[in-house]
C-alpha atoms as a PDB file:
ATOM      1  CA  MET A   1     226.994 -83.046  51.520  1.00  0.00           C
ATOM      2  CA  LYS A   2     225.773 -81.703  48.150  1.00  0.00           C
ATOM      3  CA  LYS A   3     222.135 -82.704  47.244  1.00  0.00           C
ATOM      4  CA  VAL A   4     221.361 -84.205  43.871  1.00  0.00           C
ATOM      5  CA  LEU A   5     217.647 -84.785  42.658  1.00  0.00           C
ATOM      6  CA  ILE A   6     217.227 -87.736  40.322  1.00  0.00           C
ATOM      7  CA  VAL A   7     214.116 -87.377  38.141  1.00  0.00           C
ATOM      8  CA  ASP A   8     213.137 -90.432  36.118  1.00  0.00           C
ATOM      9  CA  ASP A   9     210.036 -92.371  35.775  1.00  0.00           C
ATOM     10  CA  GLN A  10     211.860 -95.658  35.593  1.00  0.00           C
ATOM     11  CA  SER A  11     212.951 -96.777  39.023  1.00  0.00           C
ATOM     12  CA  ASP A  12     215.644 -99.045  37.793  1.00  0.00           C
ATOM     13  CA  ILE A  13     217.393 -95.939  36.287  1.00  0.00           C
ATOM     14  CA  ARG A  14     216.758 -94.062  39.668  1.00  0.00           C
ATOM     15  CA  ARG A  15     218.385 -97.110  41.382  1.00  0.00           C
ATOM     16  CA  LEU A  16     221.330 -97.288  39.046  1.00  0.00           C
ATOM     17  CA  ILE A  17     222.067 -93.577  39.478  1.00  0.00           C
ATOM     18  CA  SER A  18     221.481 -93.797  43.129  1.00  0.00           C
ATOM     19  CA  LEU A  19     224.111 -96.582  43.370  1.00  0.00           C
ATOM     20  CA  THR A  20     226.441 -94.494  41.347  1.00  0.00           C
ATOM     21  CA  LEU A  21     226.148 -91.319  43.330  1.00  0.00           C
ATOM     22  CA  GLY A  22     225.120 -92.512  46.715  1.00  0.00           C
ATOM     23  CA  ARG A  23     228.386 -92.310  48.468  1.00  0.00           C
ATOM     24  CA  GLN A  24     229.359 -88.786  47.209  1.00  0.00           C
ATOM     25  CA  TYR A  25     225.951 -86.887  47.427  1.00  0.00           C
ATOM     26  CA  SER A  26     222.779 -86.704  49.450  1.00  0.00           C
ATOM     27  CA  LEU A  27     220.037 -87.985  47.052  1.00  0.00           C
ATOM     28  CA  LEU A  28     216.394 -87.185  46.330  1.00  0.00           C
ATOM     29  CA  GLU A  29     214.183 -88.946  43.854  1.00  0.00           C
ATOM     30  CA  ALA A  30     211.205 -88.060  41.793  1.00  0.00           C
ATOM     31  CA  GLY A  31     209.208 -90.078  39.236  1.00  0.00           C
ATOM     32  CA  ASP A  32     207.441 -87.384  37.247  1.00  0.00           C
ATOM     33  CA  GLY A  33     207.790 -83.648  36.542  1.00  0.00           C
ATOM     34  CA  ALA A  34     205.283 -82.258  39.168  1.00  0.00           C
ATOM     35  CA  ALA A  35     207.104 -84.120  42.007  1.00  0.00           C
ATOM     36  CA  ALA A  36     210.440 -82.903  40.604  1.00  0.00           C
ATOM     37  CA  ILE A  37     209.229 -79.155  40.773  1.00  0.00           C
ATOM     38  CA  SER A  38     207.951 -79.766  44.336  1.00  0.00           C
ATOM     39  CA  LEU A  39     211.239 -81.068  45.512  1.00  0.00           C
ATOM     40  CA  VAL A  40     213.183 -78.331  43.807  1.00  0.00           C
ATOM     41  CA  GLU A  41     211.197 -75.733  45.427  1.00  0.00           C
ATOM     42  CA  MET A  42     211.353 -77.310  48.882  1.00  0.00           C
ATOM     43  CA  SER A  43     214.825 -78.896  48.910  1.00  0.00           C
ATOM     44  CA  ARG A  44     216.831 -76.633  46.609  1.00  0.00           C
ATOM     45  CA  PRO A  45     219.205 -79.353  45.359  1.00  0.00           C
ATOM     46  CA  ASP A  46     222.560 -78.479  44.038  1.00  0.00           C
ATOM     47  CA  ALA A  47     221.964 -80.468  40.815  1.00  0.00           C
ATOM     48  CA  VAL A  48     219.097 -82.130  39.077  1.00  0.00           C
ATOM     49  CA  ILE A  49     219.590 -85.292  36.852  1.00  0.00           C
ATOM     50  CA  LEU A  50     216.596 -85.033  34.508  1.00  0.00           C
ATOM     51  CA  ASP A  51     214.891 -87.400  32.032  1.00  0.00           C
ATOM     52  CA  VAL A  52     212.911 -85.939  29.266  1.00  0.00           C
ATOM     53  CA  MET A  53     210.236 -88.532  28.593  1.00  0.00           C
ATOM     54  CA  MET A  54     208.045 -88.869  31.746  1.00  0.00           C
ATOM     55  CA  PRO A  55     204.377 -89.407  32.442  1.00  0.00           C
ATOM     56  CA  GLY A  56     201.853 -86.706  33.373  1.00  0.00           C
ATOM     57  CA  GLY A  57     201.659 -83.351  31.772  1.00  0.00           C
ATOM     58  CA  MET A  58     205.183 -82.199  32.334  1.00  0.00           C
ATOM     59  CA  ASP A  59     208.114 -83.510  30.416  1.00  0.00           C
ATOM     60  CA  GLY A  60     211.785 -82.926  31.196  1.00  0.00           C
ATOM     61  CA  PHE A  61     211.969 -79.895  28.891  1.00  0.00           C
ATOM     62  CA  ASP A  62     208.986 -78.357  30.924  1.00  0.00           C
ATOM     63  CA  VAL A  63     210.738 -79.067  34.280  1.00  0.00           C
ATOM     64  CA  LEU A  64     213.983 -77.532  32.935  1.00  0.00           C
ATOM     65  CA  ALA A  65     212.292 -74.417  31.940  1.00  0.00           C
ATOM     66  CA  LYS A  66     210.550 -74.036  35.238  1.00  0.00           C
ATOM     67  CA  ILE A  67     213.775 -74.571  36.998  1.00  0.00           C
ATOM     68  CA  LYS A  68     215.873 -72.194  34.729  1.00  0.00           C
ATOM     69  CA  GLY A  69     212.974 -69.646  34.569  1.00  0.00           C
ATOM     70  CA  ASN A  70     212.708 -69.173  38.296  1.00  0.00           C
ATOM     71  CA  LYS A  71     215.103 -66.579  39.785  1.00  0.00           C
ATOM     72  CA  ALA A  72     215.364 -68.733  43.078  1.00  0.00           C
ATOM     73  CA  THR A  73     216.264 -71.927  41.251  1.00  0.00           C
ATOM     74  CA  ARG A  74     218.071 -70.905  37.939  1.00  0.00           C
ATOM     75  CA  ALA A  75     221.569 -71.596  39.344  1.00  0.00           C
ATOM     76  CA  ILE A  76     220.861 -75.316  40.098  1.00  0.00           C
ATOM     77  CA  CYS A  77     222.732 -77.359  37.739  1.00  0.00           C
ATOM     78  CA  VAL A  78     220.580 -79.437  35.392  1.00  0.00           C
ATOM     79  CA  VAL A  79     221.988 -82.459  33.728  1.00  0.00           C
ATOM     80  CA  MET A  80     219.677 -83.980  31.057  1.00  0.00           C
ATOM     81  CA  LEU A  81     219.832 -87.816  31.074  1.00  0.00           C
ATOM     82  CA  THR A  82     217.613 -89.219  28.386  1.00  0.00           C
ATOM     83  CA  ALA A  83     217.240 -91.792  25.563  1.00  0.00           C
ATOM     84  CA  LYS A  84     216.461 -88.645  23.236  1.00  0.00           C
ATOM     85  CA  GLY A  85     219.705 -88.204  21.281  1.00  0.00           C
ATOM     86  CA  GLN A  86     218.761 -86.113  18.317  1.00  0.00           C
ATOM     87  CA  ALA A  87     220.471 -82.954  17.690  1.00  0.00           C
ATOM     88  CA  VAL A  88     217.239 -81.028  18.009  1.00  0.00           C
ATOM     89  CA  ASP A  89     216.491 -82.401  21.454  1.00  0.00           C
ATOM     90  CA  ILE A  90     220.049 -81.457  22.599  1.00  0.00           C
ATOM     91  CA  ASP A  91     219.585 -77.924  21.151  1.00  0.00           C
ATOM     92  CA  ARG A  92     216.409 -77.550  22.742  1.00  0.00           C
ATOM     93  CA  ALA A  93     217.737 -78.432  26.157  1.00  0.00           C
ATOM     94  CA  ILE A  94     220.875 -76.224  25.916  1.00  0.00           C
ATOM     95  CA  SER A  95     218.557 -73.423  24.825  1.00  0.00           C
ATOM     96  CA  LYS A  96     216.517 -73.764  27.818  1.00  0.00           C
ATOM     97  CA  GLY A  97     219.498 -73.681  30.091  1.00  0.00           C
ATOM     98  CA  ALA A  98     220.588 -77.412  30.494  1.00  0.00           C
ATOM     99  CA  ASP A  99     224.198 -77.564  31.874  1.00  0.00           C
ATOM    100  CA  ALA A 100     224.923 -80.979  30.332  1.00  0.00           C
ATOM    101  CA  TYR A 101     223.163 -83.464  28.120  1.00  0.00           C
ATOM    102  CA  LEU A 102     223.895 -87.210  28.417  1.00  0.00           C
ATOM    103  CA  ILE A 103     222.290 -89.803  26.171  1.00  0.00           C
ATOM    104  CA  LYS A 104     221.157 -93.327  27.673  1.00  0.00           C
ATOM    105  CA  PRO A 105     222.761 -95.689  27.957  1.00  0.00           C
ATOM    106  CA  PHE A 106     225.205 -93.631  29.850  1.00  0.00           C
ATOM    107  CA  SER A 107     228.540 -93.858  31.422  1.00  0.00           C
ATOM    108  CA  PRO A 108     228.147 -93.713  35.283  1.00  0.00           C
ATOM    109  CA  LEU A 109     231.768 -92.507  35.372  1.00  0.00           C
ATOM    110  CA  GLN A 110     230.847 -89.573  32.905  1.00  0.00           C
ATOM    111  CA  LEU A 111     227.905 -88.646  35.302  1.00  0.00           C
ATOM    112  CA  ILE A 112     230.199 -88.521  38.215  1.00  0.00           C
ATOM    113  CA  ARG A 113     232.593 -86.333  36.382  1.00  0.00           C
ATOM    114  CA  LEU A 114     230.055 -83.805  35.115  1.00  0.00           C
ATOM    115  CA  LEU A 115     228.622 -83.570  38.494  1.00  0.00           C
ATOM    116  CA  GLN A 116     232.151 -83.033  40.095  1.00  0.00           C
ATOM    117  CA  GLU A 117     232.821 -80.356  37.384  1.00  0.00           C
ATOM    118  CA  HIS A 118     229.468 -78.427  38.024  1.00  0.00           C
ATOM    119  CA  ILE A 119     228.960 -78.657  41.885  1.00  0.00           C
ATOM    120  CA  GLY A 120     232.017 -80.588  43.302  1.00  0.00           C
ATOM    121  CA  GLY A 121     231.585 -83.169  45.953  1.00  0.00           C
END
């Protein structure tokens, strides 16, 4: 079963995504950027669903840059899932290597389709 890491500081969002994906994927969760990087390095998920705005010193753009900047993790699919819907934010994410960008509120079916396209399952 493919592994997906859900990174969001809001537990309700993590729960919603878990309910959406739980039957198709093995799920991991992180509430901040530092925990996300640790889980990526230890677990090597097939995909990361990543919020932009998070507490601590590392936002989603920082996490994205670390994942895509590391030779060992750059092939991991990263789907940005955020309330930040400005073109500048989307461009920034794509330029750092994001595979897809979804804006909250989002369609759970769209998220499922994106993951199926990128990692199967």
